[in-house]
Amino acid sequence: MMPPYPQRGEKVVMLATVKNQGIDPVPAGTPVKVSFTVNGQLVSWSDDYLGGIPVGGMALVCANNGTLRKQCVERRYTWAFSVTAVADPDNSLAEMSEENKCCEADRQVYPPAPKI
């Protein structure tokens, strides 16, 4: 269960940890891209991480772009959403396995408890 956040008008930061499970390092200067969707709609993406990732290492990638559309969500009732992060969404990195680059999480947000 998540607290009643984000509130209307608040910004949300999308982060993903990208692990290199391959046999070669991702060289510095090679773009590592991640796309983020909410309920199947692309909301943000990262296309500027160039730090490289050693074999067995990880990188924390933060979204640096996003859509300009505003989504309206009814706040009086419980609402649920699904967030998906996909590393290398355009398959620009050579990988032996493409099956392990997506992570999806379902979340629910509840209204604040009444003040007593």
N, C-alpha and C. Protein backbone atom coordinates (compact mmCIF):
# COMPACT_ATOMS: atom_id res chain seq x y z
N MET A 1 0.85 -1.18 0.00
CA MET A 1 0.00 0.00 0.00
C MET A 1 0.89 1.24 0.00
N MET A 2 0.53 2.21 -0.81
CA MET A 2 1.29 3.45 -0.89
C MET A 2 0.53 4.56 -0.18
N PRO A 3 1.24 5.53 0.35
CA PRO A 3 0.55 6.68 0.94
C PRO A 3 -0.15 7.48 -0.16
N PRO A 4 -0.99 8.44 0.22
CA PRO A 4 -1.77 9.19 -0.78
C PRO A 4 -0.92 10.21 -1.54
N TYR A 5 0.11 9.74 -2.17
CA TYR A 5 0.99 10.61 -2.95
C TYR A 5 1.23 9.97 -4.30
N PRO A 6 1.48 10.68 -5.35
CA PRO A 6 1.66 12.12 -5.40
C PRO A 6 0.33 12.85 -5.35
N GLN A 7 0.36 14.04 -4.82
CA GLN A 7 -0.81 14.90 -4.80
C GLN A 7 -0.88 15.65 -6.13
N ARG A 8 -2.06 16.11 -6.47
CA ARG A 8 -2.25 16.85 -7.72
C ARG A 8 -1.24 18.01 -7.81
N GLY A 9 -0.57 18.11 -8.95
CA GLY A 9 0.39 19.17 -9.19
C GLY A 9 1.82 18.86 -8.76
N GLU A 10 2.02 17.78 -8.00
CA GLU A 10 3.38 17.43 -7.58
C GLU A 10 4.12 16.71 -8.69
N LYS A 11 5.43 16.89 -8.74
CA LYS A 11 6.26 16.21 -9.72
C LYS A 11 6.63 14.83 -9.22
N VAL A 12 6.82 13.90 -10.14
CA VAL A 12 7.24 12.54 -9.83
C VAL A 12 8.56 12.29 -10.54
N VAL A 13 9.54 11.76 -9.83
CA VAL A 13 10.83 11.43 -10.41
C VAL A 13 10.84 9.93 -10.71
N MET A 14 11.15 9.59 -11.95
CA MET A 14 11.22 8.18 -12.36
C MET A 14 12.68 7.76 -12.36
N LEU A 15 12.99 6.68 -11.61
CA LEU A 15 14.34 6.14 -11.50
C LEU A 15 14.33 4.66 -11.82
N ALA A 16 15.41 4.17 -12.39
CA ALA A 16 15.55 2.73 -12.62
C ALA A 16 17.00 2.33 -12.35
N THR A 17 17.19 1.17 -11.75
CA THR A 17 18.54 0.62 -11.64
C THR A 17 18.71 -0.33 -12.82
N VAL A 18 19.78 -0.14 -13.56
CA VAL A 18 20.07 -0.96 -14.73
C VAL A 18 21.30 -1.78 -14.41
N LYS A 19 21.16 -3.11 -14.42
CA LYS A 19 22.26 -4.00 -14.08
C LYS A 19 22.83 -4.62 -15.35
N ASN A 20 24.14 -4.63 -15.45
CA ASN A 20 24.80 -5.28 -16.58
C ASN A 20 25.07 -6.73 -16.21
N GLN A 21 24.25 -7.63 -16.73
CA GLN A 21 24.41 -9.06 -16.47
C GLN A 21 25.13 -9.75 -17.62
N GLY A 22 25.75 -8.96 -18.50
CA GLY A 22 26.43 -9.51 -19.66
C GLY A 22 27.85 -9.91 -19.37
N ILE A 23 28.60 -10.19 -20.43
CA ILE A 23 29.99 -10.60 -20.29
C ILE A 23 30.96 -9.48 -20.69
N ASP A 24 30.42 -8.37 -21.19
CA ASP A 24 31.23 -7.21 -21.55
C ASP A 24 30.70 -5.98 -20.83
N PRO A 25 31.59 -5.05 -20.48
CA PRO A 25 31.12 -3.80 -19.88
C PRO A 25 30.41 -2.94 -20.92
N VAL A 26 29.52 -2.07 -20.45
CA VAL A 26 28.94 -1.03 -21.31
C VAL A 26 29.92 0.13 -21.21
N PRO A 27 30.59 0.47 -22.30
CA PRO A 27 31.62 1.51 -22.23
C PRO A 27 31.04 2.88 -21.91
N ALA A 28 31.81 3.69 -21.17
CA ALA A 28 31.41 5.07 -20.94
C ALA A 28 31.25 5.75 -22.30
N GLY A 29 30.25 6.60 -22.41
CA GLY A 29 29.95 7.26 -23.67
C GLY A 29 28.88 6.55 -24.48
N THR A 30 28.53 5.31 -24.09
CA THR A 30 27.46 4.58 -24.77
C THR A 30 26.15 4.92 -24.08
N PRO A 31 25.17 5.46 -24.81
CA PRO A 31 23.90 5.81 -24.17
C PRO A 31 23.18 4.58 -23.61
N VAL A 32 22.76 4.66 -22.35
CA VAL A 32 21.91 3.63 -21.73
C VAL A 32 20.54 4.29 -21.58
N LYS A 33 19.56 3.80 -22.34
CA LYS A 33 18.24 4.43 -22.38
C LYS A 33 17.24 3.62 -21.56
N VAL A 34 16.30 4.32 -20.93
CA VAL A 34 15.23 3.69 -20.16
C VAL A 34 13.94 4.45 -20.47
N SER A 35 12.86 3.71 -20.73
CA SER A 35 11.55 4.36 -20.91
C SER A 35 10.65 3.97 -19.75
N PHE A 36 9.77 4.88 -19.34
CA PHE A 36 8.86 4.66 -18.23
C PHE A 36 7.43 4.86 -18.71
N THR A 37 6.57 3.90 -18.43
CA THR A 37 5.15 4.03 -18.77
C THR A 37 4.31 3.90 -17.52
N VAL A 38 3.16 4.56 -17.52
CA VAL A 38 2.18 4.42 -16.45
C VAL A 38 0.88 4.02 -17.12
N ASN A 39 0.34 2.88 -16.72
CA ASN A 39 -0.88 2.32 -17.32
C ASN A 39 -0.76 2.25 -18.84
N GLY A 40 0.42 1.86 -19.31
CA GLY A 40 0.64 1.68 -20.74
C GLY A 40 0.94 2.93 -21.53
N GLN A 41 0.93 4.10 -20.88
CA GLN A 41 1.20 5.37 -21.57
C GLN A 41 2.63 5.83 -21.26
N LEU A 42 3.40 6.11 -22.30
CA LEU A 42 4.75 6.63 -22.11
C LEU A 42 4.67 7.97 -21.39
N VAL A 43 5.34 8.09 -20.24
CA VAL A 43 5.30 9.34 -19.47
C VAL A 43 6.66 10.00 -19.35
N SER A 44 7.74 9.22 -19.39
CA SER A 44 9.07 9.82 -19.29
C SER A 44 10.10 8.82 -19.80
N TRP A 45 11.31 9.34 -20.03
CA TRP A 45 12.37 8.48 -20.50
C TRP A 45 13.71 9.12 -20.17
N SER A 46 14.74 8.30 -20.24
CA SER A 46 16.11 8.76 -20.05
C SER A 46 16.89 8.42 -21.31
N ASP A 47 17.60 9.40 -21.84
CA ASP A 47 18.44 9.15 -23.00
C ASP A 47 19.79 9.82 -22.87
N ASP A 48 20.16 10.20 -21.64
CA ASP A 48 21.41 10.93 -21.46
C ASP A 48 22.42 10.25 -20.53
N TYR A 49 22.15 9.01 -20.08
CA TYR A 49 23.12 8.35 -19.21
C TYR A 49 24.27 7.82 -20.07
N LEU A 50 25.48 8.28 -19.82
CA LEU A 50 26.66 7.90 -20.60
C LEU A 50 27.79 7.38 -19.73
N GLY A 51 27.48 7.05 -18.47
CA GLY A 51 28.52 6.71 -17.50
C GLY A 51 29.15 5.35 -17.63
N GLY A 52 28.62 4.47 -18.48
CA GLY A 52 29.15 3.12 -18.57
C GLY A 52 28.70 2.26 -17.40
N ILE A 53 28.72 0.94 -17.60
CA ILE A 53 28.34 -0.01 -16.54
C ILE A 53 29.28 -1.21 -16.64
N PRO A 54 30.07 -1.49 -15.59
CA PRO A 54 30.95 -2.66 -15.65
C PRO A 54 30.16 -3.95 -15.58
N VAL A 55 30.77 -5.05 -15.97
CA VAL A 55 30.12 -6.36 -15.87
C VAL A 55 29.73 -6.61 -14.43
N GLY A 56 28.50 -6.96 -14.18
CA GLY A 56 27.99 -7.20 -12.84
C GLY A 56 27.67 -5.93 -12.08
N GLY A 57 27.90 -4.79 -12.68
CA GLY A 57 27.64 -3.51 -12.03
C GLY A 57 26.26 -2.98 -12.35
N MET A 58 25.90 -1.90 -11.68
CA MET A 58 24.61 -1.28 -11.90
C MET A 58 24.77 0.23 -12.03
N ALA A 59 23.76 0.83 -12.64
CA ALA A 59 23.71 2.29 -12.74
C ALA A 59 22.30 2.74 -12.35
N LEU A 60 22.22 3.85 -11.64
CA LEU A 60 20.94 4.45 -11.31
C LEU A 60 20.65 5.48 -12.40
N VAL A 61 19.58 5.25 -13.15
CA VAL A 61 19.25 6.09 -14.29
C VAL A 61 17.98 6.87 -13.96
N CYS A 62 18.04 8.19 -14.12
CA CYS A 62 16.92 9.07 -13.82
C CYS A 62 16.34 9.61 -15.12
N ALA A 63 15.01 9.63 -15.23
CA ALA A 63 14.37 10.17 -16.42
C ALA A 63 14.73 11.64 -16.58
N ASN A 64 15.04 12.02 -17.81
CA ASN A 64 15.40 13.41 -18.09
C ASN A 64 14.45 14.07 -19.09
N ASN A 65 13.48 13.34 -19.59
CA ASN A 65 12.48 13.85 -20.53
C ASN A 65 11.12 13.31 -20.16
N GLY A 66 10.08 13.96 -20.64
CA GLY A 66 8.73 13.47 -20.36
C GLY A 66 7.72 14.05 -21.33
N THR A 67 6.53 13.47 -21.30
CA THR A 67 5.47 13.95 -22.15
C THR A 67 4.89 15.23 -21.56
N LEU A 68 4.29 16.04 -22.39
CA LEU A 68 3.73 17.31 -21.93
C LEU A 68 2.24 17.21 -21.66
N ARG A 69 1.65 16.04 -21.95
CA ARG A 69 0.22 15.88 -21.70
C ARG A 69 -0.06 15.84 -20.21
N LYS A 70 -1.18 16.40 -19.81
CA LYS A 70 -1.60 16.34 -18.41
C LYS A 70 -2.64 15.24 -18.28
N GLN A 71 -2.45 14.39 -17.30
CA GLN A 71 -3.39 13.31 -17.03
C GLN A 71 -4.25 13.70 -15.84
N CYS A 72 -5.52 13.50 -15.93
CA CYS A 72 -6.43 13.82 -14.82
C CYS A 72 -6.80 12.53 -14.11
N VAL A 73 -6.62 12.50 -12.82
CA VAL A 73 -6.92 11.31 -12.02
C VAL A 73 -7.91 11.70 -10.93
N GLU A 74 -8.97 10.95 -10.81
CA GLU A 74 -9.96 11.17 -9.76
C GLU A 74 -9.34 10.83 -8.41
N ARG A 75 -9.34 11.76 -7.47
CA ARG A 75 -8.65 11.59 -6.18
C ARG A 75 -9.58 11.20 -5.03
N ARG A 76 -10.86 11.14 -5.24
CA ARG A 76 -11.74 10.86 -4.10
C ARG A 76 -11.77 9.39 -3.73
N TYR A 77 -11.38 8.52 -4.62
CA TYR A 77 -11.47 7.09 -4.38
C TYR A 77 -10.10 6.45 -4.56
N THR A 78 -9.99 5.21 -4.13
CA THR A 78 -8.76 4.46 -4.35
C THR A 78 -8.51 4.36 -5.85
N TRP A 79 -7.26 4.54 -6.26
CA TRP A 79 -6.95 4.33 -7.67
C TRP A 79 -5.70 3.48 -7.77
N ALA A 80 -5.61 2.76 -8.85
CA ALA A 80 -4.50 1.84 -9.06
C ALA A 80 -3.82 2.17 -10.38
N PHE A 81 -2.54 1.88 -10.45
CA PHE A 81 -1.82 2.09 -11.68
C PHE A 81 -0.68 1.11 -11.78
N SER A 82 -0.17 0.94 -12.97
CA SER A 82 0.95 0.06 -13.24
C SER A 82 2.08 0.89 -13.83
N VAL A 83 3.28 0.74 -13.26
CA VAL A 83 4.46 1.46 -13.76
C VAL A 83 5.41 0.43 -14.36
N THR A 84 5.90 0.72 -15.57
CA THR A 84 6.83 -0.17 -16.25
C THR A 84 8.07 0.61 -16.65
N ALA A 85 9.23 0.03 -16.41
CA ALA A 85 10.50 0.60 -16.86
C ALA A 85 11.15 -0.41 -17.80
N VAL A 86 11.59 0.06 -18.96
CA VAL A 86 12.25 -0.80 -19.94
C VAL A 86 13.63 -0.21 -20.24
N ALA A 87 14.67 -0.99 -19.94
CA ALA A 87 16.03 -0.57 -20.28
C ALA A 87 16.29 -0.91 -21.74
N ASP A 88 16.98 -0.03 -22.43
CA ASP A 88 17.32 -0.21 -23.84
C ASP A 88 16.08 -0.49 -24.69
N PRO A 89 15.09 0.42 -24.65
CA PRO A 89 13.83 0.17 -25.37
C PRO A 89 13.98 0.13 -26.89
N ASP A 90 15.04 0.72 -27.43
CA ASP A 90 15.22 0.70 -28.88
C ASP A 90 16.26 -0.33 -29.32
N ASN A 91 16.67 -1.22 -28.40
CA ASN A 91 17.62 -2.31 -28.69
C ASN A 91 18.91 -1.80 -29.32
N SER A 92 19.44 -0.68 -28.81
CA SER A 92 20.68 -0.13 -29.36
C SER A 92 21.92 -0.78 -28.75
N LEU A 93 21.77 -1.49 -27.63
CA LEU A 93 22.90 -2.19 -27.01
C LEU A 93 22.86 -3.66 -27.40
N ALA A 94 24.02 -4.23 -27.73
CA ALA A 94 24.10 -5.65 -28.07
C ALA A 94 23.95 -6.46 -26.78
N GLU A 95 22.96 -7.35 -26.75
CA GLU A 95 22.70 -8.16 -25.56
C GLU A 95 22.48 -9.61 -25.97
N MET A 96 22.92 -10.52 -25.11
CA MET A 96 22.68 -11.94 -25.38
C MET A 96 21.24 -12.32 -25.06
N SER A 97 20.65 -11.63 -24.09
CA SER A 97 19.27 -11.93 -23.69
C SER A 97 18.49 -10.63 -23.62
N GLU A 98 17.38 -10.57 -24.30
CA GLU A 98 16.51 -9.38 -24.30
C GLU A 98 15.35 -9.53 -23.31
N GLU A 99 15.23 -10.69 -22.67
CA GLU A 99 14.07 -10.98 -21.82
C GLU A 99 14.13 -10.33 -20.44
N ASN A 100 15.29 -9.84 -20.02
CA ASN A 100 15.44 -9.38 -18.63
C ASN A 100 15.55 -7.86 -18.51
N LYS A 101 15.03 -7.12 -19.46
CA LYS A 101 15.23 -5.66 -19.42
C LYS A 101 13.97 -4.88 -19.10
N CYS A 102 12.96 -5.54 -18.59
CA CYS A 102 11.69 -4.88 -18.29
C CYS A 102 11.30 -5.19 -16.84
N CYS A 103 10.79 -4.17 -16.15
CA CYS A 103 10.31 -4.34 -14.79
C CYS A 103 8.96 -3.64 -14.67
N GLU A 104 7.97 -4.34 -14.14
CA GLU A 104 6.64 -3.76 -13.98
C GLU A 104 6.20 -3.90 -12.53
N ALA A 105 5.57 -2.86 -12.02
CA ALA A 105 5.07 -2.89 -10.65
C ALA A 105 3.67 -2.30 -10.61
N ASP A 106 2.76 -2.98 -9.96
CA ASP A 106 1.40 -2.48 -9.77
C ASP A 106 1.33 -1.77 -8.42
N ARG A 107 0.66 -0.63 -8.40
CA ARG A 107 0.55 0.17 -7.18
C ARG A 107 -0.87 0.63 -6.97
N GLN A 108 -1.22 0.88 -5.73
CA GLN A 108 -2.51 1.46 -5.38
C GLN A 108 -2.27 2.67 -4.49
N VAL A 109 -3.05 3.70 -4.67
CA VAL A 109 -2.95 4.89 -3.86
C VAL A 109 -4.31 5.09 -3.18
N TYR A 110 -4.27 5.30 -1.89
CA TYR A 110 -5.49 5.45 -1.10
C TYR A 110 -5.65 6.89 -0.65
N PRO A 111 -6.88 7.34 -0.47
CA PRO A 111 -7.06 8.71 0.02
C PRO A 111 -6.54 8.83 1.45
N PRO A 112 -6.21 10.05 1.89
CA PRO A 112 -5.71 10.22 3.25
C PRO A 112 -6.78 9.79 4.28
N ALA A 113 -6.28 9.30 5.39
CA ALA A 113 -7.19 8.92 6.47
C ALA A 113 -7.84 10.19 7.05
N PRO A 114 -9.09 10.07 7.51
CA PRO A 114 -9.72 11.26 8.09
C PRO A 114 -9.01 11.68 9.36
N LYS A 115 -8.95 12.99 9.61
CA LYS A 115 -8.30 13.50 10.81
C LYS A 115 -9.22 13.28 12.00
N ILE A 116 -8.62 12.82 13.09
CA ILE A 116 -9.40 12.52 14.30
C ILE A 116 -9.19 13.59 15.33
